[in-house]
Amino acid sequence: MGVNTVKLQVVRTQFGKDATNGMLFIDGKFECYTLEDQYQAVKVMHETCIPEGTYKLKLRTVGSFNTRYTKKYPTWHRGMLWLQDVPGFQFILIHQGNNDEHTSGCLITGNSQQDLDVNFNGMVGSSADAYKKLYPKVSGAILKGDDVTIEYTKINLNGEDNKAKDHMILADSVYEKLQEINGNVIKTNAMLKGRIIT
């Protein structure tokens, strides 16, 4: 029996002055929202999101985060979700938090997300709930010996580049696209119930 592969994808959707919004998918299925530090061409310690790319995930069983999470979740925590071989960065983890002050290059999970035009620090809500849903899926695969990776990319709408410009990127375009997707979901649900909305 071969090794299974599990692929996480972080699609960055909005680049702001102090934070980066995104969405996380596991094997192509939406899992939660994400928040990171801002994009910067030249790294500033504790204030820069990691480079785009694909990284292997392992469990880190030492360090202060691991000690805190082991005490907080003694029955199921088995180590921090830890990105390997990130150029120029060490100890990049996936963990809980609410705004960009709670991360130093790491990835924060949430069940909701605030537009960076509203709050330049970024904000994700229900972070602990999102983390508790995500963690067993990823840690379980790592513990089974599966090949678990995480890929960081950015959304590309209409072929436009969305690197940081004027501290805010394509927020209107992202919002319109999400509204279009939401409308399609509502239509599909209605059709499944026998009602067609036009």
Protein backbone atom coordinates (compact mmCIF):
# COMPACT_ATOMS: atom_id res chain seq x y z
CA MET A 1 0.00 0.00 0.00
CA GLY A 2 1.47 3.37 -1.09
CA VAL A 3 1.77 6.61 0.82
CA ASN A 4 -1.28 8.88 0.57
CA THR A 5 -0.84 12.55 -0.27
CA VAL A 6 -2.74 15.33 1.45
CA LYS A 7 -2.49 18.82 -0.06
CA LEU A 8 -3.33 22.01 1.78
CA GLN A 9 -3.56 25.20 -0.26
CA VAL A 10 -3.51 28.76 1.05
CA VAL A 11 -4.90 31.13 -1.57
CA ARG A 12 -4.07 34.69 -0.58
CA THR A 13 -6.98 36.93 -1.52
CA GLN A 14 -6.14 40.39 -0.15
CA PHE A 15 -2.83 42.08 0.58
CA GLY A 16 -2.92 44.96 3.06
CA LYS A 17 -0.59 47.34 4.86
CA ASP A 18 -0.13 45.09 7.91
CA ALA A 19 -1.82 41.80 7.04
CA THR A 20 -2.70 39.29 4.33
CA ASN A 21 -6.11 37.59 4.03
CA GLY A 22 -6.57 34.17 2.49
CA MET A 23 -8.53 30.94 2.35
CA LEU A 24 -7.29 27.45 3.16
CA PHE A 25 -8.35 24.34 1.23
CA ILE A 26 -7.63 20.67 1.96
CA ASP A 27 -7.53 18.52 -1.17
CA GLY A 28 -9.52 21.19 -3.01
CA LYS A 29 -12.24 21.63 -0.35
CA PHE A 30 -12.62 24.89 1.56
CA GLU A 31 -11.59 24.48 5.20
CA CYS A 32 -11.24 27.95 6.78
CA TYR A 33 -10.03 31.51 6.39
CA THR A 34 -6.44 32.52 7.04
CA LEU A 35 -4.54 35.56 8.23
CA GLU A 36 -0.82 36.27 7.90
CA ASP A 37 1.59 39.15 8.14
CA GLN A 38 1.83 41.52 5.18
CA TYR A 39 3.67 40.89 1.90
CA GLN A 40 7.05 42.62 1.71
CA ALA A 41 9.66 42.24 -1.02
CA VAL A 42 12.41 42.38 1.60
CA LYS A 43 11.75 40.41 4.79
CA VAL A 44 11.26 42.34 8.03
CA MET A 45 11.53 40.09 11.10
CA HIS A 46 8.09 39.25 12.58
CA GLU A 47 6.35 41.39 9.94
CA THR A 48 6.42 39.44 6.65
CA CYS A 49 4.39 36.61 5.15
CA ILE A 50 6.38 33.65 3.82
CA PRO A 51 7.28 33.26 0.12
CA GLU A 52 4.84 31.57 -2.24
CA GLY A 53 5.68 27.93 -2.75
CA THR A 54 4.98 24.39 -1.55
CA TYR A 55 6.26 23.16 1.81
CA LYS A 56 6.15 19.83 3.61
CA LEU A 57 4.28 19.75 6.94
CA LYS A 58 5.55 17.94 10.03
CA LEU A 59 4.73 18.01 13.74
CA ARG A 60 6.92 20.10 16.03
CA THR A 61 6.91 18.60 19.53
CA VAL A 62 9.15 21.17 21.26
CA GLY A 63 8.94 24.90 21.87
CA SER A 64 6.65 27.29 23.75
CA PHE A 65 3.70 26.93 21.35
CA ASN A 66 3.77 23.16 21.72
CA THR A 67 3.95 23.43 25.52
CA ARG A 68 0.94 25.80 25.61
CA TYR A 69 -1.17 23.74 23.19
CA THR A 70 -0.32 20.47 24.99
CA LYS A 71 -1.66 21.99 28.23
CA LYS A 72 -4.68 23.47 26.45
CA TYR A 73 -5.56 20.31 24.48
CA PRO A 74 -4.04 17.39 26.43
CA THR A 75 -6.24 14.69 24.91
CA TRP A 76 -5.55 15.34 21.23
CA HIS A 77 -2.62 17.70 20.66
CA ARG A 78 0.39 15.81 19.26
CA GLY A 79 2.65 18.65 18.11
CA MET A 80 2.37 21.93 16.23
CA LEU A 81 1.70 21.91 12.47
CA TRP A 82 5.14 22.99 11.21
CA LEU A 83 6.20 24.09 7.70
CA GLN A 84 9.57 22.74 6.57
CA ASP A 85 12.37 24.44 4.65
CA VAL A 86 10.81 27.89 4.20
CA PRO A 87 13.56 30.09 2.66
CA GLY A 88 14.68 32.74 5.15
CA PHE A 89 12.19 31.65 7.85
CA GLN A 90 12.27 29.23 10.80
CA PHE A 91 9.56 27.61 12.90
CA ILE A 92 6.61 28.65 10.73
CA LEU A 93 3.51 27.14 12.35
CA ILE A 94 -0.25 26.97 11.85
CA HIS A 95 -1.98 28.18 15.00
CA GLN A 96 -4.77 30.24 16.57
CA GLY A 97 -4.97 34.02 16.83
CA ASN A 98 -7.13 36.95 15.87
CA ASN A 99 -5.04 39.62 14.15
CA ASP A 100 -1.61 40.20 12.64
CA GLU A 101 -0.16 40.98 16.09
CA HIS A 102 -0.62 37.28 16.91
CA THR A 103 1.71 36.04 14.18
CA SER A 104 5.37 36.33 13.21
CA GLY A 105 5.12 34.84 9.74
CA CYS A 106 2.88 31.97 10.86
CA LEU A 107 -0.58 31.11 9.52
CA ILE A 108 -3.64 31.89 11.68
CA THR A 109 -6.92 30.06 11.07
CA GLY A 110 -10.47 31.43 11.44
CA ASN A 111 -14.10 30.68 10.63
CA SER A 112 -14.73 34.30 9.60
CA GLN A 113 -12.63 37.12 8.21
CA GLN A 114 -12.71 40.91 8.12
CA ASP A 115 -11.90 42.95 5.01
CA LEU A 116 -8.51 44.65 5.31
CA ASP A 117 -10.12 47.95 4.26
CA VAL A 118 -12.14 47.79 7.48
CA ASN A 119 -9.26 46.73 9.73
CA PHE A 120 -5.68 47.05 8.43
CA ASN A 121 -4.45 44.63 11.14
CA GLY A 122 -6.76 41.98 9.75
CA MET A 123 -9.07 39.89 11.88
CA VAL A 124 -10.28 36.31 11.86
CA GLY A 125 -13.04 35.10 14.15
CA SER A 126 -13.67 31.76 15.86
CA SER A 127 -10.00 30.94 15.41
CA ALA A 128 -9.96 28.17 18.03
CA ASP A 129 -12.99 26.47 16.43
CA ALA A 130 -11.36 26.59 12.98
CA TYR A 131 -8.10 25.24 14.38
CA LYS A 132 -9.82 22.40 16.27
CA LYS A 133 -11.58 21.36 13.04
CA LEU A 134 -8.42 21.58 10.92
CA TYR A 135 -5.88 20.09 13.32
CA PRO A 136 -7.03 16.45 13.52
CA LYS A 137 -7.32 16.19 9.73
CA VAL A 138 -3.75 17.36 9.20
CA SER A 139 -2.04 15.87 12.26
CA GLY A 140 -3.80 12.55 11.69
CA ALA A 141 -2.46 12.36 8.14
CA ILE A 142 1.07 13.24 9.31
CA LEU A 143 0.94 10.62 12.08
CA LYS A 144 -0.19 7.98 9.53
CA GLY A 145 2.89 8.75 7.46
CA ASP A 146 1.03 10.48 4.62
CA ASP A 147 2.86 13.02 2.46
CA VAL A 148 1.33 16.29 3.69
CA THR A 149 2.17 19.56 1.94
CA ILE A 150 0.93 23.13 2.01
CA GLU A 151 1.05 25.39 -1.04
CA TYR A 152 0.90 29.18 -0.85
CA THR A 153 -0.44 31.00 -3.91
CA LYS A 154 -2.42 34.17 -4.59
CA ILE A 155 -5.78 34.67 -6.25
CA ASN A 156 -5.56 35.95 -9.81
CA LEU A 157 -8.77 37.55 -11.05
CA ASN A 158 -9.05 38.54 -14.72
CA GLY A 159 -5.31 38.11 -15.17
CA GLU A 160 -4.57 41.13 -12.98
CA ASP A 161 -1.58 41.15 -10.65
CA ASN A 162 -2.60 41.57 -7.02
CA LYS A 163 0.75 42.28 -5.38
CA ALA A 164 0.59 45.00 -2.75
CA LYS A 165 -0.40 48.33 -4.30
CA ASP A 166 -1.54 51.23 -2.19
CA HIS A 167 -1.89 48.86 0.78
CA MET A 168 -5.00 47.14 -0.65
CA ILE A 169 -5.44 44.72 -3.51
CA LEU A 170 -8.51 43.98 -5.58
CA ALA A 171 -10.84 43.96 -2.58
CA ASP A 172 -13.80 44.95 -4.77
CA SER A 173 -12.99 42.28 -7.35
CA VAL A 174 -12.63 39.57 -4.69
CA TYR A 175 -15.91 40.66 -3.08
CA GLU A 176 -17.73 40.60 -6.45
CA LYS A 177 -16.33 37.14 -7.25
CA LEU A 178 -17.38 35.78 -3.85
CA GLN A 179 -20.86 37.32 -4.32
CA GLU A 180 -21.10 35.61 -7.72
CA ILE A 181 -20.09 32.26 -6.17
CA ASN A 182 -22.61 32.75 -3.36
CA GLY A 183 -25.36 33.51 -5.91
CA ASN A 184 -24.53 30.32 -7.81
CA VAL A 185 -24.70 28.30 -4.58
CA ILE A 186 -28.14 29.78 -3.76
CA LYS A 187 -29.38 28.97 -7.29
CA THR A 188 -28.05 25.42 -7.10
CA ASN A 189 -29.67 24.83 -3.71
CA ALA A 190 -32.98 26.17 -5.00
CA MET A 191 -32.81 23.96 -8.10
CA LEU A 192 -32.11 20.94 -5.91
CA LYS A 193 -35.25 21.74 -3.95
CA GLY A 194 -37.25 21.96 -7.15
CA ARG A 195 -37.42 25.74 -7.29
CA ILE A 196 -35.58 27.59 -10.04
CA ILE A 197 -34.50 31.17 -9.35
CA THR A 198 -33.51 33.33 -12.33
